[in-house]
N, C-alpha and C. Protein backbone atom coordinates (compact mmCIF):
# COMPACT_ATOMS: atom_id res chain seq x y z
N UNK A 1 1.66 21.88 -4.50
CA UNK A 1 1.12 22.22 -5.65
C UNK A 1 2.08 22.69 -6.70
N UNK A 2 2.01 22.22 -7.95
CA UNK A 2 2.98 22.54 -8.85
C UNK A 2 2.19 23.09 -10.10
N UNK A 3 2.68 24.15 -10.74
CA UNK A 3 2.03 24.66 -11.94
C UNK A 3 2.98 25.49 -12.74
N UNK A 4 2.84 25.58 -14.11
CA UNK A 4 3.65 26.58 -14.79
C UNK A 4 2.85 27.63 -15.39
N UNK A 5 1.47 27.75 -14.91
CA UNK A 5 0.61 28.69 -15.30
C UNK A 5 0.48 29.80 -14.26
N UNK A 6 0.94 31.00 -14.82
CA UNK A 6 1.01 32.28 -13.74
C UNK A 6 -0.26 32.53 -13.05
N UNK A 7 -1.43 32.45 -13.81
CA UNK A 7 -2.81 32.71 -13.24
C UNK A 7 -3.09 31.69 -12.13
N UNK A 8 -2.92 30.49 -12.37
CA UNK A 8 -3.06 29.42 -11.38
C UNK A 8 -2.21 29.72 -10.16
N UNK A 9 -0.92 29.91 -10.45
CA UNK A 9 -0.03 30.17 -9.42
C UNK A 9 -0.47 31.47 -8.42
N UNK A 10 -1.00 32.41 -9.00
CA UNK A 10 -1.34 33.66 -8.33
C UNK A 10 -2.63 33.28 -7.35
N UNK A 11 -3.47 32.55 -8.04
CA UNK A 11 -4.81 32.11 -7.24
C UNK A 11 -4.37 31.20 -5.98
N UNK A 12 -3.40 30.31 -6.36
CA UNK A 12 -2.95 29.30 -5.13
C UNK A 12 -2.32 30.14 -4.12
N UNK A 13 -1.44 31.02 -4.58
CA UNK A 13 -0.78 31.87 -3.54
C UNK A 13 -1.69 32.67 -2.64
N UNK A 14 -2.84 33.24 -3.26
CA UNK A 14 -3.72 33.99 -2.43
C UNK A 14 -4.46 32.89 -1.59
N UNK A 15 -4.96 31.78 -2.04
CA UNK A 15 -5.66 30.94 -1.24
C UNK A 15 -4.88 30.45 -0.10
N UNK A 16 -3.68 30.32 -0.18
CA UNK A 16 -2.92 29.64 0.97
C UNK A 16 -2.83 30.60 2.13
N UNK A 17 -3.17 31.86 1.85
CA UNK A 17 -3.19 32.94 3.08
C UNK A 17 -4.39 33.71 3.11
N UNK A 18 -5.55 32.94 3.15
CA UNK A 18 -6.88 33.58 3.28
C UNK A 18 -7.12 34.54 2.18
N UNK A 19 -6.68 34.45 1.03
CA UNK A 19 -6.93 35.40 0.03
C UNK A 19 -6.21 36.72 0.13
N UNK A 20 -5.14 36.95 0.87
CA UNK A 20 -4.50 38.14 1.13
C UNK A 20 -3.31 38.28 0.27
N UNK A 21 -3.22 39.21 -0.66
CA UNK A 21 -1.96 39.42 -1.41
C UNK A 21 -0.94 40.19 -0.47
N UNK A 22 -1.44 40.86 0.51
CA UNK A 22 -0.59 41.54 1.66
C UNK A 22 -1.51 41.62 2.77
N UNK A 23 -0.95 41.94 3.90
CA UNK A 23 -1.59 41.84 5.25
C UNK A 23 -2.75 42.83 5.25
N UNK A 24 -3.80 42.26 5.69
CA UNK A 24 -5.10 43.03 5.90
C UNK A 24 -5.92 43.43 4.65
N UNK A 25 -5.45 42.85 3.57
CA UNK A 25 -6.22 43.11 2.27
C UNK A 25 -6.42 41.67 1.73
N UNK A 26 -7.76 41.42 1.50
CA UNK A 26 -8.27 40.20 0.99
C UNK A 26 -8.97 40.26 -0.33
N UNK A 27 -8.41 39.57 -1.29
CA UNK A 27 -9.04 39.76 -2.70
C UNK A 27 -10.06 38.61 -2.87
N UNK A 28 -10.02 37.51 -2.14
CA UNK A 28 -10.88 36.37 -2.19
C UNK A 28 -10.91 35.59 -0.75
N UNK A 29 -11.98 34.79 -0.72
CA UNK A 29 -11.94 34.00 0.45
C UNK A 29 -10.88 32.85 0.27
N UNK A 30 -9.87 32.73 1.08
CA UNK A 30 -8.93 31.65 0.97
C UNK A 30 -8.83 30.85 2.24
N UNK A 31 -7.94 30.22 2.51
CA UNK A 31 -7.60 29.30 3.54
C UNK A 31 -6.32 29.73 4.41
N UNK A 32 -6.31 29.47 5.61
CA UNK A 32 -5.07 29.63 6.35
C UNK A 32 -4.89 28.45 7.38
N UNK A 33 -4.61 27.28 7.01
CA UNK A 33 -4.48 26.19 7.83
C UNK A 33 -3.19 26.06 8.44
N UNK A 34 -3.04 25.96 9.74
CA UNK A 34 -1.76 25.68 10.26
C UNK A 34 -1.82 24.25 10.92
N UNK A 35 -0.69 23.68 10.89
CA UNK A 35 -0.63 22.32 11.49
C UNK A 35 -0.29 22.44 13.00
N UNK A 36 -1.11 21.78 13.82
CA UNK A 36 -0.85 21.84 15.21
C UNK A 36 0.24 20.79 15.61
N UNK A 37 0.90 20.90 16.76
CA UNK A 37 2.07 20.11 17.06
C UNK A 37 1.69 18.75 17.17
N UNK A 38 0.49 18.30 17.68
CA UNK A 38 0.20 16.88 17.68
C UNK A 38 0.18 16.28 16.31
N UNK A 39 -0.47 16.88 15.43
CA UNK A 39 -0.57 16.42 14.07
C UNK A 39 0.76 16.37 13.54
N UNK A 40 1.60 17.31 13.70
CA UNK A 40 2.97 17.21 13.18
C UNK A 40 3.83 16.08 13.82
N UNK A 41 3.59 15.76 15.07
CA UNK A 41 4.30 14.65 15.75
C UNK A 41 3.86 13.33 14.93
N UNK A 42 2.51 13.17 14.91
CA UNK A 42 1.92 12.02 14.24
C UNK A 42 2.47 11.85 12.87
N UNK A 43 2.46 12.99 12.09
CA UNK A 43 2.96 12.82 10.72
C UNK A 43 4.44 12.54 10.59
N UNK A 44 5.17 13.08 11.49
CA UNK A 44 6.57 12.85 11.54
C UNK A 44 6.90 11.35 11.74
N UNK A 45 6.08 10.58 12.55
CA UNK A 45 6.30 9.21 12.78
C UNK A 45 5.83 8.37 11.68
N UNK A 46 4.60 8.87 10.98
CA UNK A 46 4.09 8.21 9.79
C UNK A 46 5.00 8.40 8.53
N UNK A 47 5.71 9.47 8.50
CA UNK A 47 6.59 9.61 7.36
C UNK A 47 7.70 8.60 7.35
N UNK A 48 8.18 8.13 8.41
CA UNK A 48 9.13 6.91 8.36
C UNK A 48 8.65 5.61 7.74
N UNK A 49 7.22 5.61 7.67
CA UNK A 49 6.66 4.37 7.15
C UNK A 49 6.27 4.53 5.71
N UNK A 50 6.38 5.75 5.15
CA UNK A 50 5.88 6.04 3.74
C UNK A 50 6.46 5.09 2.75
N UNK A 51 7.72 5.00 2.64
CA UNK A 51 8.36 4.11 1.65
C UNK A 51 7.85 2.67 1.67
N UNK A 52 7.66 2.04 2.91
CA UNK A 52 7.26 0.74 2.95
C UNK A 52 5.75 0.74 2.43
N UNK A 53 4.96 1.68 2.96
CA UNK A 53 3.53 1.62 2.49
C UNK A 53 3.47 1.82 1.01
N UNK A 54 4.28 2.72 0.47
CA UNK A 54 4.31 2.84 -1.02
C UNK A 54 4.67 1.53 -1.72
N UNK A 55 5.61 0.81 -1.20
CA UNK A 55 6.08 -0.35 -1.87
C UNK A 55 4.90 -1.44 -1.70
N UNK A 56 4.27 -1.43 -0.70
CA UNK A 56 3.06 -2.46 -0.57
C UNK A 56 1.99 -2.14 -1.58
N UNK A 57 1.62 -0.79 -1.69
CA UNK A 57 0.56 -0.43 -2.68
C UNK A 57 1.12 -0.69 -4.15
N UNK A 58 2.32 -0.48 -4.38
CA UNK A 58 2.85 -0.75 -5.68
C UNK A 58 2.90 -2.29 -6.13
N UNK A 59 3.19 -3.08 -5.00
CA UNK A 59 3.07 -4.62 -5.14
C UNK A 59 1.53 -4.97 -5.51
N UNK A 60 0.60 -4.46 -4.79
CA UNK A 60 -0.81 -4.62 -4.91
C UNK A 60 -1.23 -4.27 -6.31
N UNK A 61 -0.81 -3.06 -6.77
CA UNK A 61 -1.12 -2.60 -8.15
C UNK A 61 -0.62 -3.49 -9.12
N UNK A 62 0.57 -4.09 -8.88
CA UNK A 62 1.16 -5.15 -9.90
C UNK A 62 0.15 -6.42 -9.87
N UNK A 63 -0.42 -6.77 -8.84
CA UNK A 63 -1.28 -7.83 -8.89
C UNK A 63 -2.62 -7.37 -9.55
N UNK A 64 -3.00 -6.39 -9.15
CA UNK A 64 -4.36 -5.81 -9.96
C UNK A 64 -3.99 -5.82 -11.47
N UNK A 65 -2.86 -5.34 -11.90
CA UNK A 65 -2.62 -5.26 -13.35
C UNK A 65 -2.48 -6.71 -13.79
N UNK A 66 -2.02 -7.82 -13.26
CA UNK A 66 -1.88 -9.07 -13.75
C UNK A 66 -3.40 -9.65 -13.77
N UNK A 67 -4.04 -9.46 -12.81
CA UNK A 67 -5.34 -10.09 -12.74
C UNK A 67 -6.50 -9.38 -13.78
N UNK A 68 -6.15 -8.11 -14.00
CA UNK A 68 -7.17 -7.41 -14.87
C UNK A 68 -6.67 -7.33 -16.20
N UNK A 69 -5.50 -7.84 -16.62
CA UNK A 69 -4.99 -7.80 -18.02
C UNK A 69 -5.96 -8.43 -18.90
N UNK A 70 -6.26 -7.79 -20.07
CA UNK A 70 -7.06 -8.29 -21.07
C UNK A 70 -8.50 -8.30 -20.87
N UNK A 71 -8.95 -7.50 -19.66
CA UNK A 71 -10.41 -7.43 -19.44
C UNK A 71 -11.05 -6.37 -20.08
N UNK A 72 -10.36 -5.49 -20.70
CA UNK A 72 -11.04 -4.44 -21.39
C UNK A 72 -10.97 -3.16 -20.72
N UNK A 73 -10.49 -3.12 -19.49
CA UNK A 73 -10.43 -1.89 -18.69
C UNK A 73 -9.20 -1.05 -19.06
N UNK A 74 -9.16 0.24 -18.95
CA UNK A 74 -8.10 0.93 -19.14
C UNK A 74 -7.30 1.22 -17.75
N UNK A 75 -6.25 0.62 -17.61
CA UNK A 75 -5.50 0.70 -16.28
C UNK A 75 -4.62 1.86 -16.16
N UNK A 76 -4.28 2.16 -14.85
CA UNK A 76 -3.24 3.34 -14.76
C UNK A 76 -1.86 3.08 -15.46
N UNK A 77 -1.34 4.12 -15.97
CA UNK A 77 -0.08 4.02 -16.64
C UNK A 77 1.01 4.71 -15.80
N UNK A 78 2.11 4.05 -15.75
CA UNK A 78 3.25 4.53 -15.03
C UNK A 78 4.24 4.98 -16.17
N UNK A 79 4.28 6.33 -16.43
CA UNK A 79 5.24 6.84 -17.46
C UNK A 79 6.65 6.46 -17.10
N UNK A 80 7.46 6.50 -18.23
CA UNK A 80 8.87 6.26 -18.06
C UNK A 80 9.41 7.35 -17.33
N UNK A 81 10.22 7.07 -16.33
CA UNK A 81 10.94 8.07 -15.47
C UNK A 81 10.12 8.54 -14.30
N UNK A 82 8.92 7.89 -14.20
CA UNK A 82 7.96 8.30 -13.00
C UNK A 82 7.78 7.08 -12.08
N UNK A 83 7.51 7.24 -10.93
CA UNK A 83 7.25 6.34 -10.06
C UNK A 83 5.87 6.48 -9.40
N UNK A 84 4.79 5.66 -9.67
CA UNK A 84 3.40 5.77 -9.21
C UNK A 84 3.46 5.29 -7.91
N UNK A 85 2.84 6.08 -6.84
CA UNK A 85 2.50 5.45 -5.60
C UNK A 85 1.24 4.87 -5.37
N UNK A 86 0.37 4.76 -6.36
CA UNK A 86 -0.94 4.21 -6.28
C UNK A 86 -1.74 4.37 -5.02
N UNK A 87 -1.87 5.65 -4.81
CA UNK A 87 -2.81 6.08 -3.61
C UNK A 87 -4.19 5.57 -4.14
N UNK A 88 -4.45 5.70 -5.25
CA UNK A 88 -5.66 5.18 -5.85
C UNK A 88 -5.42 4.41 -7.13
N UNK A 89 -6.12 3.27 -7.31
CA UNK A 89 -5.89 2.52 -8.70
C UNK A 89 -7.23 2.71 -9.52
N UNK A 90 -7.08 3.81 -10.18
CA UNK A 90 -8.31 4.14 -10.97
C UNK A 90 -8.25 3.49 -12.41
N UNK A 91 -9.43 2.87 -12.62
CA UNK A 91 -9.55 2.36 -14.06
C UNK A 91 -10.65 2.86 -14.79
N UNK A 92 -10.59 2.83 -16.02
CA UNK A 92 -11.69 3.42 -16.87
C UNK A 92 -12.36 2.21 -17.74
N UNK A 93 -13.62 2.30 -17.68
CA UNK A 93 -14.44 1.25 -18.44
C UNK A 93 -15.28 1.94 -19.60
N UNK A 94 -15.55 1.18 -20.63
CA UNK A 94 -16.46 1.76 -21.73
C UNK A 94 -17.80 1.87 -21.16
N UNK A 95 -18.29 1.08 -20.35
CA UNK A 95 -19.60 1.12 -19.69
C UNK A 95 -19.53 1.04 -18.24
N UNK A 96 -19.41 2.27 -17.76
CA UNK A 96 -19.18 2.57 -16.16
C UNK A 96 -20.30 1.93 -15.42
N UNK A 97 -21.57 2.19 -15.84
CA UNK A 97 -22.71 1.71 -15.08
C UNK A 97 -22.74 0.21 -15.04
N UNK A 98 -22.48 -0.54 -16.13
CA UNK A 98 -22.46 -1.87 -16.13
C UNK A 98 -21.32 -2.38 -15.29
N UNK A 99 -20.21 -1.82 -15.21
CA UNK A 99 -19.21 -2.23 -14.36
C UNK A 99 -19.69 -2.13 -12.87
N UNK A 100 -20.21 -1.00 -12.60
CA UNK A 100 -20.71 -0.65 -11.25
C UNK A 100 -21.63 -1.72 -10.85
N UNK A 101 -22.57 -2.14 -11.78
CA UNK A 101 -23.69 -3.06 -11.31
C UNK A 101 -23.01 -4.44 -11.23
N UNK A 102 -22.12 -4.69 -11.94
CA UNK A 102 -21.33 -6.07 -11.89
C UNK A 102 -20.65 -6.18 -10.54
N UNK A 103 -19.92 -5.14 -10.10
CA UNK A 103 -19.34 -5.10 -8.79
C UNK A 103 -20.15 -5.16 -7.75
N UNK A 104 -21.39 -4.29 -7.89
CA UNK A 104 -22.25 -4.23 -6.78
C UNK A 104 -23.04 -5.54 -6.47
N UNK A 105 -23.10 -6.34 -7.62
CA UNK A 105 -23.71 -7.68 -7.44
C UNK A 105 -22.84 -8.63 -6.58
N UNK A 106 -21.55 -8.32 -6.58
CA UNK A 106 -20.53 -9.18 -5.93
C UNK A 106 -20.26 -8.49 -4.49
N UNK A 107 -20.83 -7.49 -4.08
CA UNK A 107 -20.57 -6.92 -2.82
C UNK A 107 -19.54 -5.82 -2.77
N UNK A 108 -19.19 -5.31 -3.99
CA UNK A 108 -18.25 -4.26 -4.11
C UNK A 108 -19.00 -3.04 -4.61
N UNK A 109 -18.41 -1.82 -4.25
CA UNK A 109 -19.00 -0.65 -4.78
C UNK A 109 -17.91 0.22 -5.39
N UNK A 110 -18.33 1.24 -6.22
CA UNK A 110 -17.37 2.15 -6.82
C UNK A 110 -16.97 3.18 -5.83
């Protein structure tokens, strides 16, 4: 989590440790999730594949961009100096409901 807002930072800091600003004092209900060793082992293996998976998603996003060019949808923007990983390829439509109906009629869903 990244923020430059001190109020958001403080709330996040509390949430990460079950709402406790100090031991045994809880200002709000927060979370305290710890990763177990099996999850850590799986993620350490998956991490080695992250770059390849990202490049596959970026290539697919390029195809989406080509195929959707000029169709009236607002496509994701990759700002200068940034590298989008395209976990999601979110588009905006002037008429969301009509787009949803169009896609549903073709077996796709939002």
